[in-house]
Amino acid sequence: AQGQATLVSHAMNGIRNMPARGGNPALSDTEISNAVV
């Protein structure tokens, strides 16, 4: 309900216990977005 852009932003920047980029800084923005979708 928060929307795709917000979820992708949380995945890239981290939120609560989740590290930025899932803990893998080598992932590109597109790969992060693909994983969230």
PDB file of all heavy atoms in Angstrom:
ATOM      1  N   ALA A   1       0.824  -1.213   0.000  1.00  0.00           N
ATOM      2  CA  ALA A   1       0.000   0.000   0.000  1.00  0.00           C
ATOM      3  C   ALA A   1       0.862   1.270   0.000  1.00  0.00           C
ATOM      4  O   ALA A   1       0.409   2.320  -0.453  1.00  0.00           O
ATOM      5  CB  ALA A   1      -0.923  -0.002   1.219  1.00  0.00           C
ATOM      6  N   GLN A   2       2.110   1.182   0.463  1.00  0.00           N
ATOM      7  CA  GLN A   2       2.998   2.347   0.460  1.00  0.00           C
ATOM      8  C   GLN A   2       3.471   2.695  -0.955  1.00  0.00           C
ATOM      9  O   GLN A   2       3.937   3.800  -1.191  1.00  0.00           O
ATOM     10  CB  GLN A   2       4.220   2.092   1.348  1.00  0.00           C
ATOM     11  CG  GLN A   2       3.887   1.939   2.807  1.00  0.00           C
ATOM     12  CD  GLN A   2       5.117   1.564   3.644  1.00  0.00           C
ATOM     13  OE1 GLN A   2       6.194   1.290   3.127  1.00  0.00           O
ATOM     14  NE2 GLN A   2       4.932   1.537   4.956  1.00  0.00           N
ATOM     15  N   GLY A   3       3.387   1.760  -1.853  1.00  0.00           N
ATOM     16  CA  GLY A   3       3.775   2.003  -3.241  1.00  0.00           C
ATOM     17  C   GLY A   3       5.151   1.455  -3.581  1.00  0.00           C
ATOM     18  O   GLY A   3       5.998   1.255  -2.703  1.00  0.00           O
ATOM     19  N   GLN A   4       5.333   1.241  -4.866  1.00  0.00           N
ATOM     20  CA  GLN A   4       6.574   0.648  -5.361  1.00  0.00           C
ATOM     21  C   GLN A   4       7.770   1.560  -5.093  1.00  0.00           C
ATOM     22  O   GLN A   4       8.822   1.097  -4.672  1.00  0.00           O
ATOM     23  CB  GLN A   4       6.450   0.363  -6.865  1.00  0.00           C
ATOM     24  CG  GLN A   4       7.695  -0.266  -7.472  1.00  0.00           C
ATOM     25  CD  GLN A   4       7.526  -0.612  -8.940  1.00  0.00           C
ATOM     26  OE1 GLN A   4       6.417  -0.559  -9.483  1.00  0.00           O
ATOM     27  NE2 GLN A   4       8.611  -0.964  -9.594  1.00  0.00           N
ATOM     28  N   ALA A   5       7.626   2.862  -5.312  1.00  0.00           N
ATOM     29  CA  ALA A   5       8.752   3.779  -5.127  1.00  0.00           C
ATOM     30  C   ALA A   5       9.229   3.785  -3.681  1.00  0.00           C
ATOM     31  O   ALA A   5      10.444   3.804  -3.411  1.00  0.00           O
ATOM     32  CB  ALA A   5       8.353   5.187  -5.558  1.00  0.00           C
ATOM     33  N   THR A   6       8.302   3.749  -2.732  1.00  0.00           N
ATOM     34  CA  THR A   6       8.680   3.740  -1.317  1.00  0.00           C
ATOM     35  C   THR A   6       9.379   2.442  -0.952  1.00  0.00           C
ATOM     36  O   THR A   6      10.401   2.452  -0.243  1.00  0.00           O
ATOM     37  CB  THR A   6       7.429   3.924  -0.433  1.00  0.00           C
ATOM     38  OG1 THR A   6       6.791   5.139  -0.796  1.00  0.00           O
ATOM     39  CG2 THR A   6       7.784   3.951   1.032  1.00  0.00           C
ATOM     40  N   LEU A   7       8.862   1.313  -1.437  1.00  0.00           N
ATOM     41  CA  LEU A   7       9.508   0.021  -1.134  1.00  0.00           C
ATOM     42  C   LEU A   7      10.908  -0.050  -1.724  1.00  0.00           C
ATOM     43  O   LEU A   7      11.840  -0.541  -1.071  1.00  0.00           O
ATOM     44  CB  LEU A   7       8.645  -1.124  -1.667  1.00  0.00           C
ATOM     45  CG  LEU A   7       7.348  -1.411  -0.914  1.00  0.00           C
ATOM     46  CD1 LEU A   7       6.573  -2.534  -1.601  1.00  0.00           C
ATOM     47  CD2 LEU A   7       7.631  -1.784   0.517  1.00  0.00           C
ATOM     48  N   VAL A   8      11.068   0.462  -2.938  1.00  0.00           N
ATOM     49  CA  VAL A   8      12.394   0.453  -3.565  1.00  0.00           C
ATOM     50  C   VAL A   8      13.337   1.365  -2.779  1.00  0.00           C
ATOM     51  O   VAL A   8      14.504   1.023  -2.538  1.00  0.00           O
ATOM     52  CB  VAL A   8      12.302   0.867  -5.050  1.00  0.00           C
ATOM     53  CG1 VAL A   8      13.691   1.077  -5.640  1.00  0.00           C
ATOM     54  CG2 VAL A   8      11.548  -0.183  -5.857  1.00  0.00           C
ATOM     55  N   SER A   9      12.856   2.501  -2.337  1.00  0.00           N
ATOM     56  CA  SER A   9      13.675   3.423  -1.540  1.00  0.00           C
ATOM     57  C   SER A   9      14.098   2.770  -0.225  1.00  0.00           C
ATOM     58  O   SER A   9      15.265   2.892   0.189  1.00  0.00           O
ATOM     59  CB  SER A   9      12.890   4.706  -1.261  1.00  0.00           C
ATOM     60  OG  SER A   9      13.601   5.527  -0.372  1.00  0.00           O
ATOM     61  N   HIS A  10      13.180   2.076   0.432  1.00  0.00           N
ATOM     62  CA  HIS A  10      13.517   1.379   1.673  1.00  0.00           C
ATOM     63  C   HIS A  10      14.576   0.304   1.424  1.00  0.00           C
ATOM     64  O   HIS A  10      15.487   0.119   2.238  1.00  0.00           O
ATOM     65  CB  HIS A  10      12.282   0.750   2.297  1.00  0.00           C
ATOM     66  CG  HIS A  10      11.326   1.753   2.868  1.00  0.00           C
ATOM     67  ND1 HIS A  10      10.048   1.415   3.250  1.00  0.00           N
ATOM     68  CD2 HIS A  10      11.439   3.077   3.126  1.00  0.00           C
ATOM     69  CE1 HIS A  10       9.425   2.486   3.717  1.00  0.00           C
ATOM     70  NE2 HIS A  10      10.261   3.513   3.642  1.00  0.00           N
ATOM     71  N   ALA A  11      14.441  -0.405   0.307  1.00  0.00           N
ATOM     72  CA  ALA A  11      15.406  -1.467  -0.007  1.00  0.00           C
ATOM     73  C   ALA A  11      16.789  -0.879  -0.298  1.00  0.00           C
ATOM     74  O   ALA A  11      17.812  -1.450   0.087  1.00  0.00           O
ATOM     75  CB  ALA A  11      14.919  -2.289  -1.188  1.00  0.00           C
ATOM     76  N   MET A  12      16.820   0.267  -0.970  1.00  0.00           N
ATOM     77  CA  MET A  12      18.112   0.866  -1.318  1.00  0.00           C
ATOM     78  C   MET A  12      18.782   1.527  -0.116  1.00  0.00           C
ATOM     79  O   MET A  12      20.002   1.450   0.034  1.00  0.00           O
ATOM     80  CB  MET A  12      17.927   1.891  -2.435  1.00  0.00           C
ATOM     81  CG  MET A  12      17.655   1.262  -3.766  1.00  0.00           C
ATOM     82  SD  MET A  12      17.716   2.498  -5.035  1.00  0.00           S
ATOM     83  CE  MET A  12      17.058   1.586  -6.417  1.00  0.00           C
ATOM     84  N   ASN A  13      18.011   2.172   0.726  1.00  0.00           N
ATOM     85  CA  ASN A  13      18.574   2.943   1.836  1.00  0.00           C
ATOM     86  C   ASN A  13      18.528   2.213   3.172  1.00  0.00           C
ATOM     87  O   ASN A  13      19.151   2.643   4.134  1.00  0.00           O
ATOM     88  CB  ASN A  13      17.843   4.284   1.967  1.00  0.00           C
ATOM     89  CG  ASN A  13      17.939   5.086   0.691  1.00  0.00           C
ATOM     90  OD1 ASN A  13      19.007   5.177   0.096  1.00  0.00           O
ATOM     91  ND2 ASN A  13      16.832   5.656   0.251  1.00  0.00           N
ATOM     92  N   GLY A  14      17.751   1.147   3.242  1.00  0.00           N
ATOM     93  CA  GLY A  14      17.604   0.401   4.487  1.00  0.00           C
ATOM     94  C   GLY A  14      16.488   0.975   5.338  1.00  0.00           C
ATOM     95  O   GLY A  14      16.161   2.161   5.252  1.00  0.00           O
ATOM     96  N   ILE A  15      15.876   0.133   6.119  1.00  0.00           N
ATOM     97  CA  ILE A  15      14.816   0.553   7.024  1.00  0.00           C
ATOM     98  C   ILE A  15      14.784  -0.424   8.194  1.00  0.00           C
ATOM     99  O   ILE A  15      14.945  -1.638   8.011  1.00  0.00           O
ATOM    100  CB  ILE A  15      13.448   0.608   6.303  1.00  0.00           C
ATOM    101  CG1 ILE A  15      12.373   1.147   7.235  1.00  0.00           C
ATOM    102  CG2 ILE A  15      13.058  -0.738   5.742  1.00  0.00           C
ATOM    103  CD1 ILE A  15      11.065   1.485   6.551  1.00  0.00           C
ATOM    104  N   ARG A  16      14.632   0.088   9.392  1.00  0.00           N
ATOM    105  CA  ARG A  16      14.626  -0.699  10.628  1.00  0.00           C
ATOM    106  C   ARG A  16      15.807  -1.691  10.643  1.00  0.00           C
ATOM    107  O   ARG A  16      16.951  -1.264  10.594  1.00  0.00           O
ATOM    108  CB  ARG A  16      13.269  -1.378  10.825  1.00  0.00           C
ATOM    109  CG  ARG A  16      12.140  -0.375  11.126  1.00  0.00           C
ATOM    110  CD  ARG A  16      10.815  -1.063  11.368  1.00  0.00           C
ATOM    111  NE  ARG A  16      10.130  -1.514  10.175  1.00  0.00           N
ATOM    112  CZ  ARG A  16       9.445  -0.729   9.341  1.00  0.00           C
ATOM    113  NH1 ARG A  16       9.378   0.567   9.569  1.00  0.00           N
ATOM    114  NH2 ARG A  16       8.830  -1.228   8.292  1.00  0.00           N
ATOM    115  N   ASN A  17      15.555  -2.977  10.678  1.00  0.00           N
ATOM    116  CA  ASN A  17      16.629  -3.975  10.760  1.00  0.00           C
ATOM    117  C   ASN A  17      17.238  -4.319   9.404  1.00  0.00           C
ATOM    118  O   ASN A  17      18.236  -5.020   9.348  1.00  0.00           O
ATOM    119  CB  ASN A  17      16.105  -5.263  11.406  1.00  0.00           C
ATOM    120  CG  ASN A  17      15.756  -5.074  12.860  1.00  0.00           C
ATOM    121  OD1 ASN A  17      16.402  -4.300  13.549  1.00  0.00           O
ATOM    122  ND2 ASN A  17      14.735  -5.759  13.326  1.00  0.00           N
ATOM    123  N   MET A  18      16.622  -3.847   8.326  1.00  0.00           N
ATOM    124  CA  MET A  18      17.106  -4.202   6.989  1.00  0.00           C
ATOM    125  C   MET A  18      18.236  -3.256   6.582  1.00  0.00           C
ATOM    126  O   MET A  18      18.064  -2.045   6.576  1.00  0.00           O
ATOM    127  CB  MET A  18      15.979  -4.101   5.965  1.00  0.00           C
ATOM    128  CG  MET A  18      16.413  -4.498   4.577  1.00  0.00           C
ATOM    129  SD  MET A  18      15.005  -4.476   3.484  1.00  0.00           S
ATOM    130  CE  MET A  18      15.805  -4.089   1.969  1.00  0.00           C
ATOM    131  N   PRO A  19      19.405  -3.811   6.232  1.00  0.00           N
ATOM    132  CA  PRO A  19      20.510  -2.954   5.798  1.00  0.00           C
ATOM    133  C   PRO A  19      20.263  -2.422   4.384  1.00  0.00           C
ATOM    134  O   PRO A  19      19.472  -2.981   3.618  1.00  0.00           O
ATOM    135  CB  PRO A  19      21.716  -3.894   5.819  1.00  0.00           C
ATOM    136  CG  PRO A  19      21.146  -5.246   5.629  1.00  0.00           C
ATOM    137  CD  PRO A  19      19.783  -5.226   6.269  1.00  0.00           C
ATOM    138  N   ALA A  20      20.934  -1.350   4.044  1.00  0.00           N
ATOM    139  CA  ALA A  20      20.833  -0.795   2.693  1.00  0.00           C
ATOM    140  C   ALA A  20      21.261  -1.840   1.680  1.00  0.00           C
ATOM    141  O   ALA A  20      22.227  -2.579   1.893  1.00  0.00           O
ATOM    142  CB  ALA A  20      21.719   0.441   2.581  1.00  0.00           C
ATOM    143  N   ARG A  21      20.512  -1.917   0.595  1.00  0.00           N
ATOM    144  CA  ARG A  21      20.774  -2.858  -0.501  1.00  0.00           C
ATOM    145  C   ARG A  21      20.838  -4.307  -0.019  1.00  0.00           C
ATOM    146  O   ARG A  21      21.542  -5.133  -0.576  1.00  0.00           O
ATOM    147  CB  ARG A  21      22.044  -2.481  -1.251  1.00  0.00           C
ATOM    148  CG  ARG A  21      21.958  -1.107  -1.890  1.00  0.00           C
ATOM    149  CD  ARG A  21      23.171  -0.786  -2.727  1.00  0.00           C
ATOM    150  NE  ARG A  21      23.000   0.499  -3.377  1.00  0.00           N
ATOM    151  CZ  ARG A  21      22.350   0.679  -4.527  1.00  0.00           C
ATOM    152  NH1 ARG A  21      21.800  -0.333  -5.134  1.00  0.00           N
ATOM    153  NH2 ARG A  21      22.246   1.887  -5.039  1.00  0.00           N
ATOM    154  N   GLY A  22      20.122  -4.594   1.045  1.00  0.00           N
ATOM    155  CA  GLY A  22      20.091  -5.957   1.572  1.00  0.00           C
ATOM    156  C   GLY A  22      21.441  -6.420   2.085  1.00  0.00           C
ATOM    157  O   GLY A  22      21.671  -7.612   2.256  1.00  0.00           O
ATOM    158  N   GLY A  23      22.354  -5.490   2.311  1.00  0.00           N
ATOM    159  CA  GLY A  23      23.692  -5.845   2.787  1.00  0.00           C
ATOM    160  C   GLY A  23      24.670  -6.137   1.671  1.00  0.00           C
ATOM    161  O   GLY A  23      25.803  -6.500   1.929  1.00  0.00           O
ATOM    162  N   ASN A  24      24.253  -5.958   0.414  1.00  0.00           N
ATOM    163  CA  ASN A  24      25.142  -6.215  -0.718  1.00  0.00           C
ATOM    164  C   ASN A  24      25.300  -4.930  -1.528  1.00  0.00           C
ATOM    165  O   ASN A  24      24.502  -4.645  -2.412  1.00  0.00           O
ATOM    166  CB  ASN A  24      24.587  -7.341  -1.593  1.00  0.00           C
ATOM    167  CG  ASN A  24      25.536  -7.740  -2.708  1.00  0.00           C
ATOM    168  OD1 ASN A  24      26.519  -7.069  -2.976  1.00  0.00           O
ATOM    169  ND2 ASN A  24      25.231  -8.847  -3.357  1.00  0.00           N
ATOM    170  N   PRO A  25      26.336  -4.146  -1.272  1.00  0.00           N
ATOM    171  CA  PRO A  25      26.499  -2.869  -1.965  1.00  0.00           C
ATOM    172  C   PRO A  25      26.812  -3.020  -3.451  1.00  0.00           C
ATOM    173  O   PRO A  25      26.744  -2.046  -4.195  1.00  0.00           O
ATOM    174  CB  PRO A  25      27.668  -2.207  -1.221  1.00  0.00           C
ATOM    175  CG  PRO A  25      28.405  -3.317  -0.589  1.00  0.00           C
ATOM    176  CD  PRO A  25      27.385  -4.385  -0.304  1.00  0.00           C
ATOM    177  N   ALA A  26      27.128  -4.219  -3.911  1.00  0.00           N
ATOM    178  CA  ALA A  26      27.453  -4.427  -5.318  1.00  0.00           C
ATOM    179  C   ALA A  26      26.208  -4.466  -6.202  1.00  0.00           C
ATOM    180  O   ALA A  26      26.322  -4.406  -7.421  1.00  0.00           O
ATOM    181  CB  ALA A  26      28.250  -5.721  -5.486  1.00  0.00           C
ATOM    182  N   LEU A  27      25.030  -4.571  -5.602  1.00  0.00           N
ATOM    183  CA  LEU A  27      23.801  -4.636  -6.399  1.00  0.00           C
ATOM    184  C   LEU A  27      23.501  -3.271  -7.019  1.00  0.00           C
ATOM    185  O   LEU A  27      23.619  -2.237  -6.369  1.00  0.00           O
ATOM    186  CB  LEU A  27      22.623  -5.079  -5.538  1.00  0.00           C
ATOM    187  CG  LEU A  27      22.662  -6.512  -5.012  1.00  0.00           C
ATOM    188  CD1 LEU A  27      21.503  -6.757  -4.067  1.00  0.00           C
ATOM    189  CD2 LEU A  27      22.635  -7.504  -6.158  1.00  0.00           C
ATOM    190  N   SER A  28      23.090  -3.293  -8.272  1.00  0.00           N
ATOM    191  CA  SER A  28      22.728  -2.042  -8.947  1.00  0.00           C
ATOM    192  C   SER A  28      21.318  -1.627  -8.543  1.00  0.00           C
ATOM    193  O   SER A  28      20.555  -2.420  -7.974  1.00  0.00           O
ATOM    194  CB  SER A  28      22.805  -2.233 -10.469  1.00  0.00           C
ATOM    195  OG  SER A  28      21.768  -3.090 -10.903  1.00  0.00           O
ATOM    196  N   ASP A  29      20.962  -0.386  -8.863  1.00  0.00           N
ATOM    197  CA  ASP A  29      19.620   0.113  -8.552  1.00  0.00           C
ATOM    198  C   ASP A  29      18.555  -0.715  -9.261  1.00  0.00           C
ATOM    199  O   ASP A  29      17.500  -1.009  -8.692  1.00  0.00           O
ATOM    200  CB  ASP A  29      19.487   1.587  -8.959  1.00  0.00           C
ATOM    201  CG  ASP A  29      20.343   2.502  -8.100  1.00  0.00           C
ATOM    202  OD1 ASP A  29      20.886   2.029  -7.080  1.00  0.00           O
ATOM    203  OD2 ASP A  29      20.468   3.692  -8.452  1.00  0.00           O
ATOM    204  N   THR A  30      18.850  -1.117 -10.485  1.00  0.00           N
ATOM    205  CA  THR A  30      17.892  -1.925 -11.247  1.00  0.00           C
ATOM    206  C   THR A  30      17.694  -3.288 -10.600  1.00  0.00           C
ATOM    207  O   THR A  30      16.571  -3.792 -10.522  1.00  0.00           O
ATOM    208  CB  THR A  30      18.374  -2.092 -12.707  1.00  0.00           C
ATOM    209  OG1 THR A  30      18.615  -0.796 -13.269  1.00  0.00           O
ATOM    210  CG2 THR A  30      17.369  -2.837 -13.546  1.00  0.00           C
ATOM    211  N   GLU A  31      18.773  -3.883 -10.124  1.00  0.00           N
ATOM    212  CA  GLU A  31      18.660  -5.192  -9.474  1.00  0.00           C
ATOM    213  C   GLU A  31      17.848  -5.087  -8.183  1.00  0.00           C
ATOM    214  O   GLU A  31      17.028  -5.972  -7.898  1.00  0.00           O
ATOM    215  CB  GLU A  31      20.061  -5.759  -9.179  1.00  0.00           C
ATOM    216  CG  GLU A  31      20.812  -6.181 -10.433  1.00  0.00           C
ATOM    217  CD  GLU A  31      22.257  -6.545 -10.169  1.00  0.00           C
ATOM    218  OE1 GLU A  31      22.902  -5.923  -9.302  1.00  0.00           O
ATOM    219  OE2 GLU A  31      22.760  -7.474 -10.840  1.00  0.00           O
ATOM    220  N   ILE A  32      18.055  -4.032  -7.423  1.00  0.00           N
ATOM    221  CA  ILE A  32      17.271  -3.819  -6.197  1.00  0.00           C
ATOM    222  C   ILE A  32      15.799  -3.669  -6.550  1.00  0.00           C
ATOM    223  O   ILE A  32      14.917  -4.285  -5.931  1.00  0.00           O
ATOM    224  CB  ILE A  32      17.764  -2.565  -5.443  1.00  0.00           C
ATOM    225  CG1 ILE A  32      19.204  -2.727  -4.999  1.00  0.00           C
ATOM    226  CG2 ILE A  32      16.865  -2.242  -4.258  1.00  0.00           C
ATOM    227  CD1 ILE A  32      19.433  -3.710  -3.896  1.00  0.00           C
ATOM    228  N   SER A  33      15.514  -2.847  -7.557  1.00  0.00           N
ATOM    229  CA  SER A  33      14.122  -2.630  -7.976  1.00  0.00           C
ATOM    230  C   SER A  33      13.492  -3.933  -8.453  1.00  0.00           C
ATOM    231  O   SER A  33      12.340  -4.235  -8.114  1.00  0.00           O
ATOM    232  CB  SER A  33      14.081  -1.572  -9.083  1.00  0.00           C
ATOM    233  OG  SER A  33      12.758  -1.345  -9.480  1.00  0.00           O
ATOM    234  N   ASN A  34      14.231  -4.717  -9.224  1.00  0.00           N
ATOM    235  CA  ASN A  34      13.722  -6.010  -9.712  1.00  0.00           C
ATOM    236  C   ASN A  34      13.390  -6.945  -8.547  1.00  0.00           C
ATOM    237  O   ASN A  34      12.373  -7.646  -8.570  1.00  0.00           O
ATOM    238  CB  ASN A  34      14.739  -6.688 -10.624  1.00  0.00           C
ATOM    239  CG  ASN A  34      14.921  -5.976 -11.945  1.00  0.00           C
ATOM    240  OD1 ASN A  34      14.099  -5.143 -12.341  1.00  0.00           O
ATOM    241  ND2 ASN A  34      16.008  -6.295 -12.645  1.00  0.00           N
ATOM    242  N   ALA A  35      14.238  -6.961  -7.525  1.00  0.00           N
ATOM    243  CA  ALA A  35      14.007  -7.829  -6.373  1.00  0.00           C
ATOM    244  C   ALA A  35      12.772  -7.387  -5.598  1.00  0.00           C
ATOM    245  O   ALA A  35      11.962  -8.221  -5.171  1.00  0.00           O
ATOM    246  CB  ALA A  35      15.232  -7.834  -5.459  1.00  0.00           C
ATOM    247  N   VAL A  36      12.600  -6.073  -5.425  1.00  0.00           N
ATOM    248  CA  VAL A  36      11.433  -5.559  -4.700  1.00  0.00           C
ATOM    249  C   VAL A  36      10.152  -5.913  -5.457  1.00  0.00           C
ATOM    250  O   VAL A  36       9.170  -6.389  -4.868  1.00  0.00           O
ATOM    251  CB  VAL A  36      11.550  -4.031  -4.497  1.00  0.00           C
ATOM    252  CG1 VAL A  36      10.229  -3.443  -4.008  1.00  0.00           C
ATOM    253  CG2 VAL A  36      12.669  -3.709  -3.527  1.00  0.00           C
ATOM    254  N   VAL A  37      10.152  -5.710  -6.760  1.00  0.00           N
ATOM    255  CA  VAL A  37       8.969  -6.022  -7.574  1.00  0.00           C
ATOM    256  C   VAL A  37       8.656  -7.513  -7.490  1.00  0.00           C
ATOM    257  O   VAL A  37       7.494  -7.910  -7.322  1.00  0.00           O
ATOM    258  CB  VAL A  37       9.185  -5.574  -9.035  1.00  0.00           C
ATOM    259  CG1 VAL A  37       8.112  -6.138  -9.954  1.00  0.00           C
ATOM    260  CG2 VAL A  37       9.219  -4.053  -9.122  1.00  0.00           C
TER     261      VAL A  37
END
